[in-house]
Amino acid sequence: MLKHKWAAGPVFMVLTLFFTPLKSYPSSGPLPIIPQPVKAERLEGGLSLSRGASMVVPHEPGQAYLKSARIFSGKVKRRLGLELKIVRSIPQGGEKGNIITGEAVKKHGLESLLPRGEVPSPEGYRLHADESVLLVQADSPHGFHNALMTVLQLMEPAREGAYLPAVDVLDYPRFAWRGMLLDTA
C-alpha cells in the first residue's frame, strides 16, 4: 500500500497539466487588468491579430501618440512575436483585423461600438474589441498610453500572432491625487 501512495502525486500533476485550459485567464469574473477599470465587460468571442495587422494612428499635435504606439508595438513584438505596422490611415483591406485609434474611429463611423459613458479625466479612455477590430479612443496622449497598456495586459499568444478577448472597457483615474506611504521603521 505504501508503494502506491508516492505514485499518485506525479499522476495527479500530469493529469492536471493535461486538462488545464490553454487560455491564461478564466472566461468569467473580473478581467485580469491592474488597476481594475471603472467599467469592463466581456463580450462573446475575441480578436485574432495576425502578421500584417496594422495600428492606425491618424493624426496628432506633436508626437506623443505616435511614441506610445511605438512603445506598445515594441512590447507586443517582444512578448508575443507579432510586429504591428503603425500607419496613418486604414489599410486598403479595411479595418478588419486591425487596431483603429483616435480620429479614425470617428471618421469611419465606428464610435457607436465604443462603450457608453463619460470619461471625466484626460487620463481616461474607452476601448472595444470584437471579432473584427480593436477600437481605442482617448482624449490625451496619457489616456492613449493607458489604453494601450490595458490592451497589452489582455493580449495573449496565439498560433499566428496574438489573441485579444472581446471586451468593452471604460476607465479613468478615480482619484485626482495618488499617494504612497514609505514606512522606514
N, C-alpha and C. Protein backbone atom coordinates (compact mmCIF):
# COMPACT_ATOMS: atom_id res chain seq x y z
N MET A 1 0.82 -1.19 0.00
CA MET A 1 0.00 0.00 0.00
C MET A 1 0.87 1.26 0.00
N LEU A 2 1.97 1.29 0.65
CA LEU A 2 2.87 2.43 0.70
C LEU A 2 3.46 2.73 -0.67
N LYS A 3 3.69 1.70 -1.49
CA LYS A 3 4.24 1.89 -2.82
C LYS A 3 3.35 2.76 -3.70
N HIS A 4 2.06 2.61 -3.61
CA HIS A 4 1.13 3.30 -4.50
C HIS A 4 0.89 4.76 -4.11
N LYS A 5 1.12 5.11 -2.87
CA LYS A 5 0.87 6.49 -2.44
C LYS A 5 1.81 7.47 -3.13
N TRP A 6 3.06 7.11 -3.30
CA TRP A 6 4.00 8.06 -3.91
C TRP A 6 3.72 8.27 -5.40
N ALA A 7 3.09 7.32 -6.06
CA ALA A 7 2.80 7.43 -7.49
C ALA A 7 1.61 8.35 -7.77
N ALA A 8 0.76 8.55 -6.80
CA ALA A 8 -0.43 9.38 -7.01
C ALA A 8 -0.07 10.83 -7.28
N GLY A 9 0.97 11.36 -6.65
CA GLY A 9 1.37 12.76 -6.86
C GLY A 9 1.75 13.07 -8.29
N PRO A 10 2.72 12.33 -8.88
CA PRO A 10 3.09 12.60 -10.27
C PRO A 10 1.94 12.37 -11.26
N VAL A 11 1.13 11.35 -11.02
CA VAL A 11 0.00 11.09 -11.91
C VAL A 11 -0.98 12.25 -11.85
N PHE A 12 -1.27 12.75 -10.66
CA PHE A 12 -2.17 13.89 -10.49
C PHE A 12 -1.63 15.12 -11.22
N MET A 13 -0.31 15.37 -11.09
CA MET A 13 0.29 16.53 -11.75
C MET A 13 0.19 16.42 -13.26
N VAL A 14 0.44 15.25 -13.82
CA VAL A 14 0.36 15.06 -15.27
C VAL A 14 -1.08 15.27 -15.74
N LEU A 15 -2.06 14.72 -15.03
CA LEU A 15 -3.46 14.90 -15.40
C LEU A 15 -3.88 16.37 -15.30
N THR A 16 -3.40 17.06 -14.28
CA THR A 16 -3.72 18.48 -14.12
C THR A 16 -3.17 19.28 -15.30
N LEU A 17 -1.94 19.05 -15.67
CA LEU A 17 -1.35 19.76 -16.80
C LEU A 17 -2.07 19.43 -18.10
N PHE A 18 -2.47 18.18 -18.27
CA PHE A 18 -3.13 17.76 -19.49
C PHE A 18 -4.50 18.41 -19.65
N PHE A 19 -5.23 18.54 -18.54
CA PHE A 19 -6.59 19.08 -18.61
C PHE A 19 -6.68 20.57 -18.31
N THR A 20 -5.57 21.24 -18.11
CA THR A 20 -5.59 22.68 -17.89
C THR A 20 -5.91 23.38 -19.20
N PRO A 21 -6.84 24.33 -19.20
CA PRO A 21 -7.19 25.01 -20.45
C PRO A 21 -6.01 25.84 -20.97
N LEU A 22 -6.00 26.08 -22.28
CA LEU A 22 -4.92 26.84 -22.89
C LEU A 22 -5.03 28.34 -22.60
N LYS A 23 -6.20 28.86 -22.37
CA LYS A 23 -6.36 30.27 -22.06
C LYS A 23 -5.65 30.57 -20.75
N SER A 24 -5.05 31.77 -20.68
CA SER A 24 -4.30 32.11 -19.49
C SER A 24 -5.15 32.70 -18.38
N TYR A 25 -6.43 32.98 -18.65
CA TYR A 25 -7.30 33.50 -17.61
C TYR A 25 -8.72 32.98 -17.82
N PRO A 26 -9.52 32.98 -16.77
CA PRO A 26 -10.87 32.41 -16.87
C PRO A 26 -11.79 33.26 -17.74
N SER A 27 -12.84 32.63 -18.28
CA SER A 27 -13.77 33.34 -19.15
C SER A 27 -14.85 34.07 -18.37
N SER A 28 -14.84 33.97 -17.06
CA SER A 28 -15.80 34.72 -16.25
C SER A 28 -15.05 35.38 -15.10
N GLY A 29 -15.73 36.28 -14.42
CA GLY A 29 -15.09 37.01 -13.34
C GLY A 29 -14.42 38.26 -13.86
N PRO A 30 -13.72 38.96 -12.99
CA PRO A 30 -13.10 40.22 -13.41
C PRO A 30 -11.96 39.97 -14.41
N LEU A 31 -11.79 40.93 -15.30
CA LEU A 31 -10.71 40.84 -16.27
C LEU A 31 -9.36 41.01 -15.57
N PRO A 32 -8.32 40.38 -16.07
CA PRO A 32 -7.00 40.47 -15.43
C PRO A 32 -6.29 41.78 -15.80
N ILE A 33 -6.84 42.89 -15.31
CA ILE A 33 -6.29 44.21 -15.60
C ILE A 33 -5.95 44.89 -14.28
N ILE A 34 -4.75 45.44 -14.19
CA ILE A 34 -4.33 46.17 -12.98
C ILE A 34 -3.97 47.58 -13.40
N PRO A 35 -4.58 48.59 -12.79
CA PRO A 35 -5.69 48.55 -11.83
C PRO A 35 -7.00 48.20 -12.53
N GLN A 36 -7.95 47.68 -11.77
CA GLN A 36 -9.25 47.32 -12.32
C GLN A 36 -9.91 48.56 -12.91
N PRO A 37 -10.43 48.47 -14.14
CA PRO A 37 -11.09 49.63 -14.76
C PRO A 37 -12.41 49.98 -14.09
N VAL A 38 -12.87 51.20 -14.35
CA VAL A 38 -14.15 51.66 -13.82
C VAL A 38 -15.27 50.75 -14.32
N LYS A 39 -15.22 50.42 -15.62
CA LYS A 39 -16.25 49.56 -16.21
C LYS A 39 -15.58 48.64 -17.22
N ALA A 40 -15.78 47.35 -17.08
CA ALA A 40 -15.23 46.37 -18.01
C ALA A 40 -16.25 45.26 -18.21
N GLU A 41 -16.51 44.96 -19.46
CA GLU A 41 -17.50 43.93 -19.78
C GLU A 41 -16.93 42.98 -20.83
N ARG A 42 -17.02 41.68 -20.53
CA ARG A 42 -16.61 40.67 -21.50
C ARG A 42 -17.71 40.51 -22.53
N LEU A 43 -17.31 40.32 -23.77
CA LEU A 43 -18.24 40.05 -24.84
C LEU A 43 -17.94 38.66 -25.39
N GLU A 44 -18.76 38.17 -26.27
CA GLU A 44 -18.54 36.86 -26.88
C GLU A 44 -17.43 36.93 -27.92
N GLY A 45 -16.57 35.93 -27.93
CA GLY A 45 -15.54 35.83 -28.96
C GLY A 45 -14.27 36.60 -28.62
N GLY A 46 -13.54 36.94 -29.66
CA GLY A 46 -12.30 37.67 -29.47
C GLY A 46 -11.66 38.00 -30.80
N LEU A 47 -10.64 38.82 -30.76
CA LEU A 47 -9.94 39.29 -31.96
C LEU A 47 -8.61 38.58 -32.11
N SER A 48 -8.38 38.04 -33.28
CA SER A 48 -7.08 37.44 -33.60
C SER A 48 -6.30 38.44 -34.43
N LEU A 49 -5.17 38.85 -33.90
CA LEU A 49 -4.28 39.74 -34.64
C LEU A 49 -3.19 38.88 -35.24
N SER A 50 -3.04 38.94 -36.56
CA SER A 50 -2.06 38.10 -37.22
C SER A 50 -1.00 38.96 -37.90
N ARG A 51 -0.02 38.31 -38.48
CA ARG A 51 1.02 39.04 -39.21
C ARG A 51 0.37 39.94 -40.24
N GLY A 52 0.87 41.13 -40.36
CA GLY A 52 0.30 42.09 -41.30
C GLY A 52 -0.73 43.00 -40.67
N ALA A 53 -1.05 42.78 -39.39
CA ALA A 53 -2.00 43.65 -38.70
C ALA A 53 -1.42 45.06 -38.58
N SER A 54 -2.29 46.04 -38.67
CA SER A 54 -1.86 47.43 -38.58
C SER A 54 -2.48 48.12 -37.39
N MET A 55 -1.81 49.15 -36.93
CA MET A 55 -2.32 50.02 -35.88
C MET A 55 -2.44 51.41 -36.49
N VAL A 56 -3.67 51.91 -36.60
CA VAL A 56 -3.93 53.19 -37.24
C VAL A 56 -3.84 54.30 -36.21
N VAL A 57 -2.85 55.17 -36.36
CA VAL A 57 -2.67 56.35 -35.50
C VAL A 57 -2.74 57.55 -36.45
N PRO A 58 -3.96 58.11 -36.67
CA PRO A 58 -4.18 59.04 -37.77
C PRO A 58 -3.46 60.39 -37.69
N HIS A 59 -3.68 61.13 -36.67
CA HIS A 59 -3.08 62.46 -36.59
C HIS A 59 -2.87 62.83 -35.14
N GLU A 60 -2.14 63.86 -34.95
CA GLU A 60 -1.90 64.33 -33.59
C GLU A 60 -1.16 65.66 -33.61
N PRO A 61 -1.33 66.45 -32.58
CA PRO A 61 -0.49 67.63 -32.42
C PRO A 61 0.77 67.20 -31.66
N GLY A 62 1.85 67.01 -32.34
CA GLY A 62 3.07 66.52 -31.70
C GLY A 62 3.24 65.04 -31.96
N GLN A 63 4.14 64.42 -31.24
CA GLN A 63 4.48 63.02 -31.49
C GLN A 63 4.13 62.09 -30.34
N ALA A 64 3.41 62.55 -29.33
CA ALA A 64 3.15 61.74 -28.13
C ALA A 64 2.34 60.48 -28.44
N TYR A 65 1.31 60.60 -29.28
CA TYR A 65 0.50 59.42 -29.62
C TYR A 65 1.35 58.40 -30.38
N LEU A 66 2.12 58.90 -31.33
CA LEU A 66 2.98 58.02 -32.11
C LEU A 66 4.03 57.34 -31.24
N LYS A 67 4.56 58.07 -30.27
CA LYS A 67 5.54 57.50 -29.35
C LYS A 67 4.92 56.36 -28.54
N SER A 68 3.70 56.56 -28.02
CA SER A 68 3.01 55.50 -27.27
C SER A 68 2.73 54.30 -28.17
N ALA A 69 2.35 54.56 -29.41
CA ALA A 69 2.08 53.46 -30.35
C ALA A 69 3.34 52.65 -30.61
N ARG A 70 4.48 53.33 -30.74
CA ARG A 70 5.75 52.62 -30.96
C ARG A 70 6.15 51.80 -29.73
N ILE A 71 5.95 52.36 -28.54
CA ILE A 71 6.25 51.62 -27.31
C ILE A 71 5.39 50.36 -27.25
N PHE A 72 4.09 50.52 -27.51
CA PHE A 72 3.16 49.40 -27.49
C PHE A 72 3.57 48.34 -28.53
N SER A 73 3.86 48.78 -29.74
CA SER A 73 4.25 47.86 -30.80
C SER A 73 5.51 47.09 -30.42
N GLY A 74 6.47 47.76 -29.80
CA GLY A 74 7.70 47.09 -29.36
C GLY A 74 7.43 46.05 -28.30
N LYS A 75 6.55 46.38 -27.35
CA LYS A 75 6.22 45.43 -26.28
C LYS A 75 5.49 44.21 -26.84
N VAL A 76 4.59 44.44 -27.80
CA VAL A 76 3.86 43.33 -28.42
C VAL A 76 4.85 42.43 -29.16
N LYS A 77 5.80 43.03 -29.85
CA LYS A 77 6.78 42.23 -30.59
C LYS A 77 7.63 41.39 -29.64
N ARG A 78 8.09 42.01 -28.53
CA ARG A 78 8.93 41.27 -27.58
C ARG A 78 8.15 40.16 -26.87
N ARG A 79 6.94 40.44 -26.46
CA ARG A 79 6.16 39.46 -25.68
C ARG A 79 5.51 38.38 -26.53
N LEU A 80 5.00 38.79 -27.70
CA LEU A 80 4.17 37.88 -28.48
C LEU A 80 4.73 37.55 -29.86
N GLY A 81 5.81 38.22 -30.24
CA GLY A 81 6.41 37.96 -31.54
C GLY A 81 5.62 38.51 -32.72
N LEU A 82 4.69 39.40 -32.48
CA LEU A 82 3.86 39.99 -33.53
C LEU A 82 4.32 41.41 -33.82
N GLU A 83 4.65 41.68 -35.06
CA GLU A 83 5.07 43.02 -35.44
C GLU A 83 3.88 43.77 -36.03
N LEU A 84 3.46 44.83 -35.32
CA LEU A 84 2.36 45.66 -35.79
C LEU A 84 2.90 46.80 -36.64
N LYS A 85 2.28 47.03 -37.78
CA LYS A 85 2.65 48.17 -38.61
C LYS A 85 1.87 49.39 -38.11
N ILE A 86 2.57 50.49 -37.88
CA ILE A 86 1.91 51.73 -37.47
C ILE A 86 1.69 52.57 -38.72
N VAL A 87 0.43 52.86 -39.01
CA VAL A 87 0.06 53.59 -40.22
C VAL A 87 -0.81 54.79 -39.86
N ARG A 88 -0.96 55.72 -40.80
CA ARG A 88 -1.75 56.95 -40.58
C ARG A 88 -3.21 56.81 -41.01
N SER A 89 -3.51 55.85 -41.89
CA SER A 89 -4.90 55.67 -42.33
C SER A 89 -5.20 54.18 -42.43
N ILE A 90 -6.48 53.86 -42.46
CA ILE A 90 -6.91 52.46 -42.51
C ILE A 90 -6.41 51.82 -43.80
N PRO A 91 -5.79 50.64 -43.70
CA PRO A 91 -5.25 49.98 -44.89
C PRO A 91 -6.32 49.66 -45.94
N GLN A 92 -5.87 49.36 -47.13
CA GLN A 92 -6.75 49.10 -48.27
C GLN A 92 -7.81 48.04 -47.97
N GLY A 93 -7.47 46.99 -47.25
CA GLY A 93 -8.41 45.91 -46.97
C GLY A 93 -9.50 46.25 -45.97
N GLY A 94 -9.48 47.44 -45.38
CA GLY A 94 -10.48 47.85 -44.40
C GLY A 94 -9.98 47.70 -42.98
N GLU A 95 -10.89 47.91 -42.03
CA GLU A 95 -10.49 47.90 -40.62
C GLU A 95 -10.39 46.51 -40.03
N LYS A 96 -10.92 45.50 -40.70
CA LYS A 96 -10.97 44.14 -40.14
C LYS A 96 -9.58 43.63 -39.76
N GLY A 97 -9.44 43.15 -38.51
CA GLY A 97 -8.19 42.59 -38.03
C GLY A 97 -7.14 43.61 -37.67
N ASN A 98 -7.53 44.87 -37.51
CA ASN A 98 -6.58 45.93 -37.20
C ASN A 98 -6.96 46.65 -35.92
N ILE A 99 -6.07 47.53 -35.47
CA ILE A 99 -6.31 48.38 -34.31
C ILE A 99 -6.55 49.79 -34.82
N ILE A 100 -7.71 50.35 -34.53
CA ILE A 100 -8.09 51.67 -35.01
C ILE A 100 -8.13 52.61 -33.81
N THR A 101 -7.46 53.75 -33.92
CA THR A 101 -7.39 54.68 -32.78
C THR A 101 -7.78 56.09 -33.18
N GLY A 102 -8.05 56.89 -32.16
CA GLY A 102 -8.24 58.33 -32.32
C GLY A 102 -9.32 58.74 -33.30
N GLU A 103 -8.99 59.74 -34.11
CA GLU A 103 -9.95 60.31 -35.06
C GLU A 103 -10.41 59.31 -36.11
N ALA A 104 -9.63 58.30 -36.40
CA ALA A 104 -10.04 57.29 -37.39
C ALA A 104 -11.29 56.56 -36.94
N VAL A 105 -11.48 56.42 -35.62
CA VAL A 105 -12.69 55.77 -35.09
C VAL A 105 -13.91 56.59 -35.50
N LYS A 106 -13.85 57.91 -35.30
CA LYS A 106 -14.97 58.80 -35.66
C LYS A 106 -15.13 58.87 -37.18
N LYS A 107 -14.02 59.03 -37.87
CA LYS A 107 -14.04 59.23 -39.33
C LYS A 107 -14.74 58.08 -40.05
N HIS A 108 -14.58 56.87 -39.56
CA HIS A 108 -15.16 55.70 -40.22
C HIS A 108 -16.45 55.22 -39.57
N GLY A 109 -17.05 56.06 -38.71
CA GLY A 109 -18.35 55.76 -38.12
C GLY A 109 -18.36 54.58 -37.17
N LEU A 110 -17.24 54.35 -36.49
CA LEU A 110 -17.15 53.20 -35.58
C LEU A 110 -17.36 53.60 -34.13
N GLU A 111 -17.60 54.86 -33.86
CA GLU A 111 -17.71 55.34 -32.48
C GLU A 111 -18.88 54.71 -31.72
N SER A 112 -19.92 54.31 -32.44
CA SER A 112 -21.08 53.69 -31.77
C SER A 112 -20.73 52.34 -31.14
N LEU A 113 -19.64 51.72 -31.55
CA LEU A 113 -19.23 50.45 -30.97
C LEU A 113 -18.55 50.61 -29.61
N LEU A 114 -18.01 51.81 -29.34
CA LEU A 114 -17.31 52.04 -28.08
C LEU A 114 -18.29 51.99 -26.91
N PRO A 115 -17.81 51.62 -25.72
CA PRO A 115 -18.71 51.58 -24.56
C PRO A 115 -19.25 52.97 -24.24
N ARG A 116 -20.50 53.00 -23.81
CA ARG A 116 -21.14 54.26 -23.44
C ARG A 116 -20.61 54.73 -22.09
N GLY A 117 -20.55 56.02 -21.91
CA GLY A 117 -20.14 56.56 -20.63
C GLY A 117 -19.23 57.76 -20.79
N GLU A 118 -19.24 58.59 -19.80
CA GLU A 118 -18.43 59.80 -19.77
C GLU A 118 -17.04 59.48 -19.24
N VAL A 119 -16.03 60.05 -19.87
CA VAL A 119 -14.65 59.93 -19.39
C VAL A 119 -14.26 61.31 -18.86
N PRO A 120 -14.39 61.52 -17.53
CA PRO A 120 -14.19 62.85 -16.96
C PRO A 120 -12.73 63.28 -16.80
N SER A 121 -11.79 62.44 -17.16
CA SER A 121 -10.38 62.75 -16.95
C SER A 121 -9.61 62.61 -18.26
N PRO A 122 -8.63 63.47 -18.49
CA PRO A 122 -7.82 63.31 -19.70
C PRO A 122 -6.97 62.04 -19.68
N GLU A 123 -6.83 61.41 -18.53
CA GLU A 123 -6.07 60.16 -18.44
C GLU A 123 -6.95 58.94 -18.74
N GLY A 124 -8.22 59.17 -19.02
CA GLY A 124 -9.16 58.09 -19.26
C GLY A 124 -9.20 57.66 -20.71
N TYR A 125 -9.93 56.57 -20.96
CA TYR A 125 -10.04 56.02 -22.31
C TYR A 125 -11.25 55.11 -22.41
N ARG A 126 -11.62 54.82 -23.64
CA ARG A 126 -12.64 53.82 -23.94
C ARG A 126 -12.05 52.89 -24.99
N LEU A 127 -12.30 51.59 -24.84
CA LEU A 127 -11.86 50.67 -25.88
C LEU A 127 -12.89 49.57 -26.08
N HIS A 128 -12.90 49.06 -27.30
CA HIS A 128 -13.83 48.00 -27.69
C HIS A 128 -13.07 47.01 -28.57
N ALA A 129 -13.20 45.74 -28.25
CA ALA A 129 -12.62 44.68 -29.09
C ALA A 129 -13.70 43.65 -29.38
N ASP A 130 -13.80 43.26 -30.63
CA ASP A 130 -14.70 42.18 -31.02
C ASP A 130 -13.96 41.29 -32.03
N GLU A 131 -14.69 40.45 -32.75
CA GLU A 131 -14.04 39.50 -33.67
C GLU A 131 -13.33 40.17 -34.83
N SER A 132 -13.67 41.44 -35.12
CA SER A 132 -13.12 42.06 -36.33
C SER A 132 -12.16 43.21 -36.09
N VAL A 133 -12.26 43.91 -34.97
CA VAL A 133 -11.47 45.13 -34.81
C VAL A 133 -11.27 45.48 -33.34
N LEU A 134 -10.19 46.22 -33.06
CA LEU A 134 -9.95 46.81 -31.74
C LEU A 134 -10.00 48.32 -31.92
N LEU A 135 -10.89 48.98 -31.17
CA LEU A 135 -11.04 50.43 -31.23
C LEU A 135 -10.52 51.03 -29.93
N VAL A 136 -9.71 52.09 -30.04
CA VAL A 136 -9.16 52.77 -28.87
C VAL A 136 -9.45 54.26 -29.00
N GLN A 137 -10.10 54.84 -28.00
CA GLN A 137 -10.43 56.27 -28.02
C GLN A 137 -9.98 56.91 -26.72
N ALA A 138 -9.15 57.94 -26.82
CA ALA A 138 -8.68 58.68 -25.64
C ALA A 138 -8.53 60.15 -26.02
N ASP A 139 -8.70 61.03 -25.05
CA ASP A 139 -8.63 62.46 -25.31
C ASP A 139 -7.25 63.07 -25.11
N SER A 140 -6.30 62.27 -24.64
CA SER A 140 -4.96 62.80 -24.41
C SER A 140 -3.93 61.70 -24.66
N PRO A 141 -2.67 62.09 -24.86
CA PRO A 141 -1.63 61.08 -25.01
C PRO A 141 -1.51 60.16 -23.80
N HIS A 142 -1.73 60.71 -22.59
CA HIS A 142 -1.66 59.89 -21.38
C HIS A 142 -2.77 58.84 -21.38
N GLY A 143 -3.99 59.24 -21.72
CA GLY A 143 -5.10 58.30 -21.80
C GLY A 143 -4.87 57.24 -22.87
N PHE A 144 -4.30 57.66 -24.00
CA PHE A 144 -3.99 56.74 -25.08
C PHE A 144 -2.98 55.69 -24.61
N HIS A 145 -1.95 56.13 -23.91
CA HIS A 145 -0.94 55.22 -23.38
C HIS A 145 -1.57 54.24 -22.38
N ASN A 146 -2.43 54.76 -21.49
CA ASN A 146 -3.11 53.90 -20.52
C ASN A 146 -3.95 52.83 -21.23
N ALA A 147 -4.65 53.22 -22.29
CA ALA A 147 -5.48 52.27 -23.04
C ALA A 147 -4.62 51.17 -23.66
N LEU A 148 -3.49 51.56 -24.23
CA LEU A 148 -2.63 50.56 -24.87
C LEU A 148 -2.02 49.60 -23.84
N MET A 149 -1.72 50.10 -22.65
CA MET A 149 -1.19 49.21 -21.61
C MET A 149 -2.26 48.24 -21.12
N THR A 150 -3.52 48.66 -21.13
CA THR A 150 -4.62 47.76 -20.79
C THR A 150 -4.73 46.66 -21.86
N VAL A 151 -4.67 47.06 -23.12
CA VAL A 151 -4.73 46.09 -24.22
C VAL A 151 -3.59 45.09 -24.09
N LEU A 152 -2.41 45.58 -23.77
CA LEU A 152 -1.25 44.70 -23.62
C LEU A 152 -1.47 43.65 -22.53
N GLN A 153 -2.12 44.04 -21.43
CA GLN A 153 -2.40 43.10 -20.35
C GLN A 153 -3.39 42.01 -20.79
N LEU A 154 -4.28 42.35 -21.70
CA LEU A 154 -5.30 41.40 -22.14
C LEU A 154 -4.83 40.48 -23.26
N MET A 155 -3.80 40.87 -24.00
CA MET A 155 -3.33 40.08 -25.13
C MET A 155 -2.62 38.81 -24.67
N GLU A 156 -2.79 37.77 -25.45
CA GLU A 156 -2.10 36.52 -25.17
C GLU A 156 -1.62 35.91 -26.48
N PRO A 157 -0.61 35.07 -26.41
CA PRO A 157 -0.08 34.48 -27.64
C PRO A 157 -1.09 33.58 -28.33
N ALA A 158 -1.04 33.59 -29.64
CA ALA A 158 -1.88 32.71 -30.45
C ALA A 158 -0.98 32.03 -31.48
N ARG A 159 -1.54 31.08 -32.17
CA ARG A 159 -0.74 30.32 -33.13
C ARG A 159 -0.04 31.22 -34.15
N GLU A 160 -0.77 32.16 -34.71
CA GLU A 160 -0.18 33.07 -35.71
C GLU A 160 -0.36 34.52 -35.28
N GLY A 161 0.21 34.90 -34.17
CA GLY A 161 0.12 36.29 -33.74
C GLY A 161 -0.32 36.42 -32.30
N ALA A 162 -1.45 37.11 -32.11
CA ALA A 162 -1.94 37.37 -30.76
C ALA A 162 -3.46 37.28 -30.73
N TYR A 163 -3.98 37.01 -29.55
CA TYR A 163 -5.43 36.92 -29.34
C TYR A 163 -5.83 37.91 -28.26
N LEU A 164 -6.93 38.60 -28.49
CA LEU A 164 -7.47 39.56 -27.53
C LEU A 164 -8.94 39.22 -27.32
N PRO A 165 -9.36 38.95 -26.06
CA PRO A 165 -10.76 38.63 -25.84
C PRO A 165 -11.64 39.84 -26.18
N ALA A 166 -12.86 39.56 -26.59
CA ALA A 166 -13.80 40.63 -26.91
C ALA A 166 -14.22 41.31 -25.61
N VAL A 167 -14.00 42.62 -25.53
CA VAL A 167 -14.28 43.38 -24.32
C VAL A 167 -14.74 44.80 -24.65
N ASP A 168 -15.43 45.40 -23.70
CA ASP A 168 -15.69 46.84 -23.68
C ASP A 168 -15.09 47.34 -22.37
N VAL A 169 -14.23 48.35 -22.45
CA VAL A 169 -13.60 48.90 -21.25
C VAL A 169 -13.73 50.41 -21.26
N LEU A 170 -14.15 50.94 -20.14
CA LEU A 170 -14.21 52.38 -19.90
C LEU A 170 -13.42 52.61 -18.62
N ASP A 171 -12.41 53.46 -18.68
CA ASP A 171 -11.59 53.66 -17.49
C ASP A 171 -11.05 55.07 -17.41
N TYR A 172 -10.86 55.53 -16.19
CA TYR A 172 -10.26 56.81 -15.87
C TYR A 172 -9.85 56.76 -14.41
N PRO A 173 -8.90 57.62 -14.00
CA PRO A 173 -8.49 57.60 -12.59
C PRO A 173 -9.66 58.00 -11.68
N ARG A 174 -9.83 57.28 -10.60
CA ARG A 174 -10.91 57.59 -9.66
C ARG A 174 -10.53 58.65 -8.65
N PHE A 175 -9.23 58.92 -8.53
CA PHE A 175 -8.75 59.92 -7.58
C PHE A 175 -7.85 60.90 -8.32
N ALA A 176 -7.98 62.19 -7.98
CA ALA A 176 -7.15 63.21 -8.63
C ALA A 176 -5.69 63.08 -8.21
N TRP A 177 -5.47 62.70 -6.96
CA TRP A 177 -4.11 62.56 -6.45
C TRP A 177 -3.86 61.12 -6.06
N ARG A 178 -2.68 60.67 -6.34
CA ARG A 178 -2.30 59.33 -5.92
C ARG A 178 -1.18 59.48 -4.91
N GLY A 179 -1.12 58.60 -3.95
CA GLY A 179 -0.10 58.71 -2.92
C GLY A 179 0.57 57.40 -2.64
N MET A 180 1.64 57.49 -1.88
CA MET A 180 2.37 56.31 -1.50
C MET A 180 2.91 56.55 -0.08
N LEU A 181 2.91 55.52 0.72
CA LEU A 181 3.46 55.60 2.06
C LEU A 181 4.70 54.72 2.11
N LEU A 182 5.80 55.32 2.49
CA LEU A 182 7.03 54.57 2.64
C LEU A 182 7.35 54.57 4.12
N ASP A 183 7.15 53.42 4.75
CA ASP A 183 7.39 53.30 6.19
C ASP A 183 8.84 52.84 6.40
N THR A 184 9.64 53.70 6.98
CA THR A 184 11.05 53.38 7.16
C THR A 184 11.34 52.62 8.45
N ALA A 185 10.32 52.41 9.23
CA ALA A 185 10.55 51.75 10.52
C ALA A 185 10.88 50.30 10.39
